[in-house]
Amino acid sequence: MKKRDVEYLDYLPTEWDRIFKKEYNNIHFLLPDMKINVEHIGATSINGCRSFRNVDVLVSTQNFADIYTAKMLLCIDEYKELPELNKEDMVVLIRKKKYGRVGVTVRIVEYGSETYLRFIAFKNILHDDYERVLKYNHYRELFFRQVDKDIKKYNEGKYLYINNLIDENWKLEK
């Protein structure tokens, strides 16, 4: 995989919120008859979290089959699938056209599924603890340099970090 010349951006709440609202409206426009929830997740949804210029959107459907219906409808014009990031219970799309230099990733899952709950748990873990946000920012920046800006290696390490953090917090809640 190619190394990219990528830089983090400081938290830009007005910019991230504006783009999320556009995506929220666009997704509801493209899926008018579907019962879906559209939520802002990822670094751009957390106060103080830095980002790689990408707004993450979580679309949750009422049943598993609707994941693929939503994917099909969204991919007609506006989005393209990233099959390498899909899981058995999640489809990942990116918006074909960026908002300036800011991209959008859409993850489609079933509402209430474990994948859905993990995305929400991670957002809540960071939302509730600003010190953890600062540690997460620091970890990502160090790790990104450590893997010499290899996005694939970076994402693998980042998701391992996130999953360990979620698992640790779920154990504490029990």
N, C-alpha and C. Protein backbone atom coordinates (compact mmCIF):
# COMPACT_ATOMS: atom_id res chain seq x y z
N MET A 1 0.84 -1.17 0.00
CA MET A 1 0.00 0.00 0.00
C MET A 1 0.89 1.24 0.00
N LYS A 2 0.46 2.26 -0.72
CA LYS A 2 1.25 3.47 -0.83
C LYS A 2 1.24 4.25 0.47
N LYS A 3 2.37 4.84 0.75
CA LYS A 3 2.45 5.77 1.87
C LYS A 3 1.87 7.09 1.41
N ARG A 4 1.10 7.69 2.26
CA ARG A 4 0.49 8.96 1.89
C ARG A 4 1.12 10.10 2.65
N ASP A 5 1.12 11.25 2.03
CA ASP A 5 1.54 12.46 2.72
C ASP A 5 0.32 12.96 3.47
N VAL A 6 0.17 12.49 4.69
CA VAL A 6 -1.03 12.78 5.48
C VAL A 6 -0.63 13.57 6.70
N GLU A 7 -1.46 14.50 7.07
CA GLU A 7 -1.23 15.25 8.28
C GLU A 7 -2.51 15.28 9.10
N TYR A 8 -2.34 15.32 10.39
CA TYR A 8 -3.48 15.46 11.28
C TYR A 8 -3.97 16.89 11.26
N LEU A 9 -5.24 17.05 11.47
CA LEU A 9 -5.81 18.38 11.66
C LEU A 9 -6.30 18.48 13.10
N ASP A 10 -6.12 19.65 13.69
CA ASP A 10 -6.68 19.87 15.01
C ASP A 10 -8.20 19.78 14.91
N TYR A 11 -8.82 19.63 16.04
CA TYR A 11 -10.28 19.51 16.08
C TYR A 11 -10.93 20.76 15.51
N LEU A 12 -11.77 20.56 14.51
CA LEU A 12 -12.46 21.66 13.83
C LEU A 12 -13.98 21.44 13.94
N PRO A 13 -14.57 21.71 15.10
CA PRO A 13 -15.96 21.33 15.32
C PRO A 13 -16.94 21.92 14.32
N THR A 14 -16.77 23.16 13.94
CA THR A 14 -17.69 23.77 12.99
C THR A 14 -17.63 23.06 11.64
N GLU A 15 -16.41 22.79 11.17
CA GLU A 15 -16.23 22.11 9.88
C GLU A 15 -16.77 20.69 9.92
N TRP A 16 -16.42 19.94 10.95
CA TRP A 16 -16.87 18.54 11.03
C TRP A 16 -18.40 18.47 11.15
N ASP A 17 -18.98 19.34 11.98
CA ASP A 17 -20.44 19.34 12.15
C ASP A 17 -21.15 19.71 10.85
N ARG A 18 -20.61 20.70 10.14
CA ARG A 18 -21.22 21.12 8.87
C ARG A 18 -21.24 19.97 7.87
N ILE A 19 -20.11 19.27 7.76
CA ILE A 19 -20.03 18.15 6.82
C ILE A 19 -20.94 17.00 7.26
N PHE A 20 -20.94 16.70 8.56
CA PHE A 20 -21.83 15.64 9.04
C PHE A 20 -23.29 15.97 8.73
N LYS A 21 -23.71 17.20 8.96
CA LYS A 21 -25.10 17.58 8.70
C LYS A 21 -25.45 17.41 7.22
N LYS A 22 -24.52 17.77 6.34
CA LYS A 22 -24.76 17.57 4.90
C LYS A 22 -24.92 16.08 4.59
N GLU A 23 -24.04 15.26 5.18
CA GLU A 23 -24.13 13.81 4.94
C GLU A 23 -25.41 13.23 5.52
N TYR A 24 -25.77 13.67 6.69
CA TYR A 24 -27.00 13.23 7.34
C TYR A 24 -28.19 13.48 6.40
N ASN A 25 -28.29 14.71 5.90
CA ASN A 25 -29.39 15.06 4.99
C ASN A 25 -29.30 14.28 3.69
N ASN A 26 -28.10 14.11 3.14
CA ASN A 26 -27.92 13.40 1.89
C ASN A 26 -28.33 11.94 2.02
N ILE A 27 -27.91 11.30 3.09
CA ILE A 27 -28.24 9.88 3.29
C ILE A 27 -29.75 9.71 3.46
N HIS A 28 -30.38 10.58 4.24
CA HIS A 28 -31.84 10.48 4.40
C HIS A 28 -32.56 10.76 3.08
N PHE A 29 -32.01 11.65 2.26
CA PHE A 29 -32.60 11.93 0.94
C PHE A 29 -32.49 10.70 0.04
N LEU A 30 -31.34 10.02 0.08
CA LEU A 30 -31.13 8.85 -0.78
C LEU A 30 -31.83 7.59 -0.28
N LEU A 31 -32.16 7.57 1.01
CA LEU A 31 -32.83 6.40 1.60
C LEU A 31 -34.14 6.84 2.27
N PRO A 32 -35.05 7.47 1.52
CA PRO A 32 -36.22 8.10 2.15
C PRO A 32 -37.19 7.12 2.82
N ASP A 33 -37.28 5.92 2.34
CA ASP A 33 -38.26 4.98 2.87
C ASP A 33 -37.68 3.98 3.86
N MET A 34 -36.41 4.12 4.17
CA MET A 34 -35.78 3.17 5.08
C MET A 34 -35.77 3.72 6.50
N LYS A 35 -35.97 2.83 7.45
CA LYS A 35 -35.86 3.20 8.85
C LYS A 35 -34.39 3.07 9.23
N ILE A 36 -33.74 4.22 9.33
CA ILE A 36 -32.30 4.23 9.64
C ILE A 36 -32.01 5.27 10.71
N ASN A 37 -30.90 5.09 11.38
CA ASN A 37 -30.32 6.10 12.25
C ASN A 37 -29.01 6.51 11.60
N VAL A 38 -28.71 7.79 11.63
CA VAL A 38 -27.46 8.31 11.08
C VAL A 38 -26.76 9.06 12.21
N GLU A 39 -25.55 8.59 12.56
CA GLU A 39 -24.83 9.16 13.69
C GLU A 39 -23.41 9.55 13.29
N HIS A 40 -22.92 10.59 13.93
CA HIS A 40 -21.55 11.06 13.72
C HIS A 40 -20.67 10.31 14.71
N ILE A 41 -19.67 9.58 14.21
CA ILE A 41 -18.77 8.81 15.06
C ILE A 41 -17.32 9.16 14.70
N GLY A 42 -16.39 8.50 15.33
CA GLY A 42 -14.99 8.67 15.00
C GLY A 42 -14.40 9.93 15.60
N ALA A 43 -13.15 10.20 15.26
CA ALA A 43 -12.40 11.31 15.85
C ALA A 43 -13.10 12.65 15.66
N THR A 44 -13.72 12.88 14.52
CA THR A 44 -14.33 14.18 14.26
C THR A 44 -15.58 14.43 15.10
N SER A 45 -16.08 13.41 15.78
CA SER A 45 -17.25 13.59 16.64
C SER A 45 -16.88 13.84 18.10
N ILE A 46 -15.58 13.81 18.40
CA ILE A 46 -15.12 13.92 19.78
C ILE A 46 -14.38 15.25 19.99
N ASN A 47 -14.80 16.01 20.98
CA ASN A 47 -14.16 17.28 21.29
C ASN A 47 -12.68 17.07 21.58
N GLY A 48 -11.84 17.78 20.84
CA GLY A 48 -10.41 17.75 21.06
C GLY A 48 -9.66 16.67 20.31
N CYS A 49 -10.36 15.78 19.65
CA CYS A 49 -9.70 14.70 18.92
C CYS A 49 -9.24 15.22 17.56
N ARG A 50 -8.04 14.85 17.20
CA ARG A 50 -7.50 15.28 15.91
C ARG A 50 -7.91 14.26 14.85
N SER A 51 -7.82 14.64 13.58
CA SER A 51 -8.33 13.79 12.51
C SER A 51 -7.42 13.83 11.29
N PHE A 52 -7.60 12.81 10.45
CA PHE A 52 -6.92 12.75 9.16
C PHE A 52 -7.81 13.31 8.05
N ARG A 53 -8.63 14.29 8.36
CA ARG A 53 -9.53 14.89 7.36
C ARG A 53 -10.58 13.91 6.87
N ASN A 54 -11.20 13.21 7.77
CA ASN A 54 -12.23 12.27 7.35
C ASN A 54 -13.34 12.25 8.40
N VAL A 55 -14.56 12.52 7.96
CA VAL A 55 -15.72 12.47 8.85
C VAL A 55 -16.31 11.07 8.75
N ASP A 56 -16.47 10.42 9.91
CA ASP A 56 -17.03 9.06 9.96
C ASP A 56 -18.51 9.12 10.32
N VAL A 57 -19.31 8.42 9.53
CA VAL A 57 -20.75 8.38 9.71
C VAL A 57 -21.17 6.93 9.91
N LEU A 58 -22.02 6.71 10.90
CA LEU A 58 -22.56 5.37 11.16
C LEU A 58 -24.03 5.37 10.80
N VAL A 59 -24.39 4.52 9.83
CA VAL A 59 -25.79 4.33 9.45
C VAL A 59 -26.20 2.98 10.01
N SER A 60 -27.24 2.99 10.83
CA SER A 60 -27.73 1.72 11.36
C SER A 60 -29.14 1.47 10.83
N THR A 61 -29.35 0.22 10.46
CA THR A 61 -30.63 -0.20 9.88
C THR A 61 -31.40 -1.03 10.91
N GLN A 62 -32.67 -1.21 10.66
CA GLN A 62 -33.50 -1.97 11.59
C GLN A 62 -33.31 -3.47 11.47
N ASN A 63 -32.87 -3.94 10.30
CA ASN A 63 -32.61 -5.38 10.18
C ASN A 63 -31.42 -5.61 9.24
N PHE A 64 -30.83 -6.77 9.38
CA PHE A 64 -29.60 -7.10 8.68
C PHE A 64 -29.71 -6.95 7.16
N ALA A 65 -30.80 -7.40 6.57
CA ALA A 65 -30.96 -7.34 5.11
C ALA A 65 -30.92 -5.91 4.59
N ASP A 66 -31.37 -4.97 5.40
CA ASP A 66 -31.38 -3.57 4.96
C ASP A 66 -29.99 -2.97 4.80
N ILE A 67 -28.98 -3.60 5.41
CA ILE A 67 -27.60 -3.13 5.23
C ILE A 67 -27.25 -3.14 3.75
N TYR A 68 -27.60 -4.22 3.07
CA TYR A 68 -27.23 -4.37 1.67
C TYR A 68 -28.13 -3.56 0.75
N THR A 69 -29.37 -3.35 1.14
CA THR A 69 -30.26 -2.48 0.38
C THR A 69 -29.73 -1.05 0.45
N ALA A 70 -29.36 -0.61 1.64
CA ALA A 70 -28.82 0.74 1.80
C ALA A 70 -27.54 0.91 1.00
N LYS A 71 -26.66 -0.09 1.07
CA LYS A 71 -25.40 -0.03 0.31
C LYS A 71 -25.70 0.14 -1.18
N MET A 72 -26.60 -0.67 -1.69
CA MET A 72 -26.92 -0.63 -3.12
C MET A 72 -27.45 0.75 -3.52
N LEU A 73 -28.35 1.31 -2.72
CA LEU A 73 -28.93 2.61 -3.05
C LEU A 73 -27.90 3.74 -2.94
N LEU A 74 -27.06 3.69 -1.93
CA LEU A 74 -26.06 4.74 -1.76
C LEU A 74 -24.96 4.67 -2.83
N CYS A 75 -24.68 3.47 -3.32
CA CYS A 75 -23.61 3.32 -4.31
C CYS A 75 -24.05 3.64 -5.74
N ILE A 76 -25.30 3.95 -5.94
CA ILE A 76 -25.76 4.28 -7.30
C ILE A 76 -25.00 5.49 -7.83
N ASP A 77 -24.91 6.55 -7.05
CA ASP A 77 -24.24 7.77 -7.53
C ASP A 77 -23.20 8.35 -6.58
N GLU A 78 -23.51 8.38 -5.31
CA GLU A 78 -22.75 9.21 -4.37
C GLU A 78 -21.55 8.53 -3.70
N TYR A 79 -21.60 7.22 -3.53
CA TYR A 79 -20.59 6.53 -2.71
C TYR A 79 -20.04 5.33 -3.46
N LYS A 80 -18.87 4.85 -2.98
CA LYS A 80 -18.34 3.60 -3.50
C LYS A 80 -17.94 2.72 -2.32
N GLU A 81 -18.04 1.42 -2.54
CA GLU A 81 -17.76 0.47 -1.47
C GLU A 81 -16.26 0.27 -1.30
N LEU A 82 -15.85 0.04 -0.06
CA LEU A 82 -14.47 -0.34 0.26
C LEU A 82 -14.51 -1.77 0.80
N PRO A 83 -14.60 -2.76 -0.08
CA PRO A 83 -14.80 -4.15 0.37
C PRO A 83 -13.71 -4.66 1.29
N GLU A 84 -12.50 -4.12 1.18
CA GLU A 84 -11.40 -4.58 2.04
C GLU A 84 -11.63 -4.22 3.51
N LEU A 85 -12.53 -3.28 3.78
CA LEU A 85 -12.83 -2.90 5.16
C LEU A 85 -14.13 -3.50 5.69
N ASN A 86 -14.88 -4.16 4.81
CA ASN A 86 -16.14 -4.76 5.23
C ASN A 86 -15.91 -5.89 6.22
N LYS A 87 -16.92 -6.13 7.04
CA LYS A 87 -16.97 -7.29 7.93
C LYS A 87 -18.25 -8.02 7.58
N GLU A 88 -18.45 -9.18 8.18
CA GLU A 88 -19.67 -9.93 7.85
C GLU A 88 -20.93 -9.19 8.24
N ASP A 89 -20.84 -8.25 9.19
CA ASP A 89 -22.03 -7.52 9.63
C ASP A 89 -21.92 -6.01 9.39
N MET A 90 -21.00 -5.60 8.51
CA MET A 90 -20.81 -4.18 8.25
C MET A 90 -20.33 -3.96 6.82
N VAL A 91 -20.87 -2.93 6.20
CA VAL A 91 -20.42 -2.49 4.88
C VAL A 91 -19.82 -1.10 5.03
N VAL A 92 -18.68 -0.87 4.38
CA VAL A 92 -18.00 0.42 4.46
C VAL A 92 -17.99 1.08 3.09
N LEU A 93 -18.42 2.34 3.07
CA LEU A 93 -18.46 3.13 1.84
C LEU A 93 -17.67 4.42 2.06
N ILE A 94 -17.19 4.99 0.96
CA ILE A 94 -16.65 6.34 1.02
C ILE A 94 -17.40 7.20 0.00
N ARG A 95 -17.49 8.47 0.34
CA ARG A 95 -18.13 9.41 -0.58
C ARG A 95 -17.19 9.64 -1.74
N LYS A 96 -17.72 9.54 -2.96
CA LYS A 96 -16.88 9.71 -4.15
C LYS A 96 -16.31 11.12 -4.25
N LYS A 97 -17.09 12.11 -3.87
CA LYS A 97 -16.65 13.49 -3.97
C LYS A 97 -16.42 14.03 -2.56
N LYS A 98 -15.22 14.57 -2.34
CA LYS A 98 -14.89 15.13 -1.03
C LYS A 98 -15.49 16.51 -0.87
N TYR A 99 -15.54 16.95 0.36
CA TYR A 99 -15.90 18.33 0.68
C TYR A 99 -14.59 19.09 0.80
N GLY A 100 -14.13 19.64 -0.30
CA GLY A 100 -12.80 20.26 -0.30
C GLY A 100 -11.77 19.16 -0.13
N ARG A 101 -11.02 19.20 0.98
CA ARG A 101 -10.03 18.17 1.26
C ARG A 101 -10.52 17.15 2.28
N VAL A 102 -11.78 17.25 2.68
CA VAL A 102 -12.33 16.38 3.72
C VAL A 102 -13.18 15.28 3.08
N GLY A 103 -12.83 14.03 3.41
CA GLY A 103 -13.58 12.89 2.91
C GLY A 103 -14.62 12.43 3.92
N VAL A 104 -15.45 11.49 3.49
CA VAL A 104 -16.49 10.93 4.36
C VAL A 104 -16.47 9.41 4.21
N THR A 105 -16.45 8.73 5.35
CA THR A 105 -16.57 7.28 5.40
C THR A 105 -17.91 6.95 6.04
N VAL A 106 -18.66 6.06 5.40
CA VAL A 106 -19.96 5.63 5.92
C VAL A 106 -19.88 4.16 6.24
N ARG A 107 -20.23 3.81 7.47
CA ARG A 107 -20.31 2.41 7.87
C ARG A 107 -21.77 2.07 8.10
N ILE A 108 -22.22 0.98 7.48
CA ILE A 108 -23.62 0.57 7.60
C ILE A 108 -23.67 -0.72 8.40
N VAL A 109 -24.42 -0.70 9.49
CA VAL A 109 -24.54 -1.85 10.37
C VAL A 109 -26.00 -1.99 10.82
N GLU A 110 -26.29 -3.11 11.44
CA GLU A 110 -27.61 -3.31 12.04
C GLU A 110 -27.64 -2.65 13.41
N TYR A 111 -28.69 -1.90 13.67
CA TYR A 111 -28.84 -1.24 14.97
C TYR A 111 -28.85 -2.29 16.08
N GLY A 112 -28.06 -2.04 17.12
CA GLY A 112 -28.02 -2.94 18.26
C GLY A 112 -27.07 -4.12 18.12
N SER A 113 -26.46 -4.28 16.94
CA SER A 113 -25.51 -5.38 16.74
C SER A 113 -24.26 -5.09 17.57
N GLU A 114 -23.41 -6.11 17.75
CA GLU A 114 -22.18 -5.90 18.51
C GLU A 114 -21.30 -4.84 17.85
N THR A 115 -21.23 -4.85 16.53
CA THR A 115 -20.42 -3.85 15.84
C THR A 115 -20.96 -2.45 16.12
N TYR A 116 -22.27 -2.28 16.04
CA TYR A 116 -22.89 -0.99 16.36
C TYR A 116 -22.53 -0.57 17.79
N LEU A 117 -22.71 -1.49 18.74
CA LEU A 117 -22.45 -1.18 20.14
C LEU A 117 -20.99 -0.80 20.39
N ARG A 118 -20.08 -1.44 19.66
CA ARG A 118 -18.65 -1.13 19.83
C ARG A 118 -18.33 0.28 19.32
N PHE A 119 -18.92 0.67 18.19
CA PHE A 119 -18.70 2.04 17.70
C PHE A 119 -19.20 3.06 18.71
N ILE A 120 -20.38 2.83 19.24
CA ILE A 120 -20.96 3.77 20.20
C ILE A 120 -20.16 3.76 21.50
N ALA A 121 -19.72 2.57 21.93
CA ALA A 121 -18.92 2.47 23.16
C ALA A 121 -17.64 3.29 23.04
N PHE A 122 -16.95 3.16 21.91
CA PHE A 122 -15.70 3.91 21.73
C PHE A 122 -15.95 5.41 21.76
N LYS A 123 -16.99 5.84 21.08
CA LYS A 123 -17.33 7.27 21.10
C LYS A 123 -17.60 7.73 22.53
N ASN A 124 -18.35 6.94 23.28
CA ASN A 124 -18.69 7.30 24.66
C ASN A 124 -17.46 7.30 25.57
N ILE A 125 -16.56 6.33 25.37
CA ILE A 125 -15.34 6.25 26.18
C ILE A 125 -14.53 7.53 26.01
N LEU A 126 -14.36 7.98 24.77
CA LEU A 126 -13.59 9.21 24.54
C LEU A 126 -14.37 10.45 24.97
N HIS A 127 -15.65 10.45 24.70
CA HIS A 127 -16.49 11.62 25.02
C HIS A 127 -16.45 11.92 26.51
N ASP A 128 -16.37 10.87 27.33
CA ASP A 128 -16.45 11.03 28.78
C ASP A 128 -15.10 11.30 29.45
N ASP A 129 -13.99 11.31 28.70
CA ASP A 129 -12.68 11.39 29.35
C ASP A 129 -11.69 12.14 28.44
N TYR A 130 -11.56 13.45 28.68
CA TYR A 130 -10.69 14.26 27.83
C TYR A 130 -9.23 13.82 27.92
N GLU A 131 -8.79 13.36 29.08
CA GLU A 131 -7.42 12.84 29.20
C GLU A 131 -7.19 11.67 28.25
N ARG A 132 -8.20 10.83 28.11
CA ARG A 132 -8.09 9.70 27.21
C ARG A 132 -8.02 10.18 25.76
N VAL A 133 -8.73 11.25 25.43
CA VAL A 133 -8.65 11.83 24.09
C VAL A 133 -7.22 12.26 23.80
N LEU A 134 -6.61 12.93 24.75
CA LEU A 134 -5.23 13.39 24.57
C LEU A 134 -4.28 12.20 24.39
N LYS A 135 -4.47 11.14 25.18
CA LYS A 135 -3.64 9.94 25.05
C LYS A 135 -3.85 9.28 23.69
N TYR A 136 -5.11 9.24 23.25
CA TYR A 136 -5.42 8.64 21.94
C TYR A 136 -4.76 9.44 20.82
N ASN A 137 -4.84 10.77 20.87
CA ASN A 137 -4.18 11.61 19.87
C ASN A 137 -2.68 11.32 19.84
N HIS A 138 -2.09 11.28 21.02
CA HIS A 138 -0.65 11.04 21.13
C HIS A 138 -0.27 9.67 20.57
N TYR A 139 -1.02 8.64 20.96
CA TYR A 139 -0.75 7.28 20.46
C TYR A 139 -0.82 7.25 18.94
N ARG A 140 -1.88 7.81 18.37
CA ARG A 140 -2.04 7.75 16.91
C ARG A 140 -0.91 8.46 16.19
N GLU A 141 -0.50 9.60 16.66
CA GLU A 141 0.58 10.33 16.00
C GLU A 141 1.90 9.58 16.09
N LEU A 142 2.21 9.05 17.27
CA LEU A 142 3.45 8.27 17.41
C LEU A 142 3.42 7.01 16.55
N PHE A 143 2.31 6.30 16.59
CA PHE A 143 2.21 5.05 15.84
C PHE A 143 2.27 5.31 14.34
N PHE A 144 1.66 6.40 13.88
CA PHE A 144 1.68 6.73 12.46
C PHE A 144 3.11 6.93 11.97
N ARG A 145 3.91 7.61 12.78
CA ARG A 145 5.32 7.80 12.43
C ARG A 145 6.08 6.48 12.52
N GLN A 146 5.74 5.67 13.52
CA GLN A 146 6.42 4.39 13.73
C GLN A 146 6.25 3.45 12.54
N VAL A 147 5.07 3.45 11.91
CA VAL A 147 4.83 2.57 10.76
C VAL A 147 5.18 3.29 9.46
N ASP A 148 5.91 4.40 9.57
CA ASP A 148 6.38 5.16 8.42
C ASP A 148 5.25 5.56 7.47
N LYS A 149 4.15 6.02 8.07
CA LYS A 149 2.98 6.54 7.33
C LYS A 149 2.30 5.50 6.44
N ASP A 150 2.49 4.22 6.73
CA ASP A 150 1.81 3.15 6.00
C ASP A 150 0.39 3.05 6.56
N ILE A 151 -0.60 3.53 5.78
CA ILE A 151 -1.98 3.63 6.24
C ILE A 151 -2.55 2.27 6.65
N LYS A 152 -2.25 1.23 5.91
CA LYS A 152 -2.78 -0.10 6.24
C LYS A 152 -2.26 -0.56 7.60
N LYS A 153 -0.95 -0.46 7.82
CA LYS A 153 -0.38 -0.84 9.12
C LYS A 153 -0.91 0.06 10.23
N TYR A 154 -1.03 1.33 9.92
CA TYR A 154 -1.55 2.28 10.91
C TYR A 154 -2.96 1.88 11.33
N ASN A 155 -3.83 1.62 10.35
CA ASN A 155 -5.22 1.26 10.67
C ASN A 155 -5.29 -0.04 11.47
N GLU A 156 -4.47 -1.01 11.12
CA GLU A 156 -4.46 -2.27 11.88
C GLU A 156 -4.11 -2.01 13.35
N GLY A 157 -3.07 -1.22 13.58
CA GLY A 157 -2.66 -0.91 14.95
C GLY A 157 -3.69 -0.06 15.68
N LYS A 158 -4.27 0.89 14.98
CA LYS A 158 -5.28 1.77 15.59
C LYS A 158 -6.49 0.95 16.02
N TYR A 159 -6.96 0.04 15.15
CA TYR A 159 -8.14 -0.75 15.49
C TYR A 159 -7.84 -1.72 16.63
N LEU A 160 -6.63 -2.23 16.71
CA LEU A 160 -6.25 -3.08 17.84
C LEU A 160 -6.30 -2.26 19.14
N TYR A 161 -5.76 -1.06 19.10
CA TYR A 161 -5.79 -0.16 20.26
C TYR A 161 -7.24 0.12 20.67
N ILE A 162 -8.07 0.47 19.71
CA ILE A 162 -9.48 0.79 19.99
C ILE A 162 -10.20 -0.43 20.58
N ASN A 163 -10.02 -1.58 19.97
CA ASN A 163 -10.70 -2.78 20.46
C ASN A 163 -10.24 -3.16 21.86
N ASN A 164 -8.96 -3.01 22.16
CA ASN A 164 -8.47 -3.28 23.51
C ASN A 164 -9.09 -2.30 24.51
N LEU A 165 -9.19 -1.04 24.13
CA LEU A 165 -9.79 -0.03 25.00
C LEU A 165 -11.26 -0.35 25.27
N ILE A 166 -11.99 -0.73 24.25
CA ILE A 166 -13.41 -1.08 24.41
C ILE A 166 -13.53 -2.31 25.31
N ASP A 167 -12.75 -3.35 25.01
CA ASP A 167 -12.83 -4.58 25.81
C ASP A 167 -12.50 -4.31 27.27
N GLU A 168 -11.51 -3.49 27.52
CA GLU A 168 -11.11 -3.15 28.90
C GLU A 168 -12.26 -2.45 29.62
N ASN A 169 -12.93 -1.53 28.94
CA ASN A 169 -14.02 -0.78 29.57
C ASN A 169 -15.26 -1.64 29.77
N TRP A 170 -15.54 -2.57 28.85
CA TRP A 170 -16.69 -3.45 29.04
C TRP A 170 -16.48 -4.35 30.24
N LYS A 171 -15.24 -4.80 30.48
CA LYS A 171 -14.93 -5.63 31.65
C LYS A 171 -15.17 -4.83 32.93
N LEU A 172 -14.80 -3.56 32.91
CA LEU A 172 -14.98 -2.72 34.09
C LEU A 172 -16.46 -2.48 34.40
N GLU A 173 -17.30 -2.45 33.37
CA GLU A 173 -18.72 -2.21 33.57
C GLU A 173 -19.46 -3.41 34.15
N LYS A 174 -18.91 -4.61 33.96
CA LYS A 174 -19.60 -5.83 34.42
C LYS A 174 -19.45 -6.05 35.90
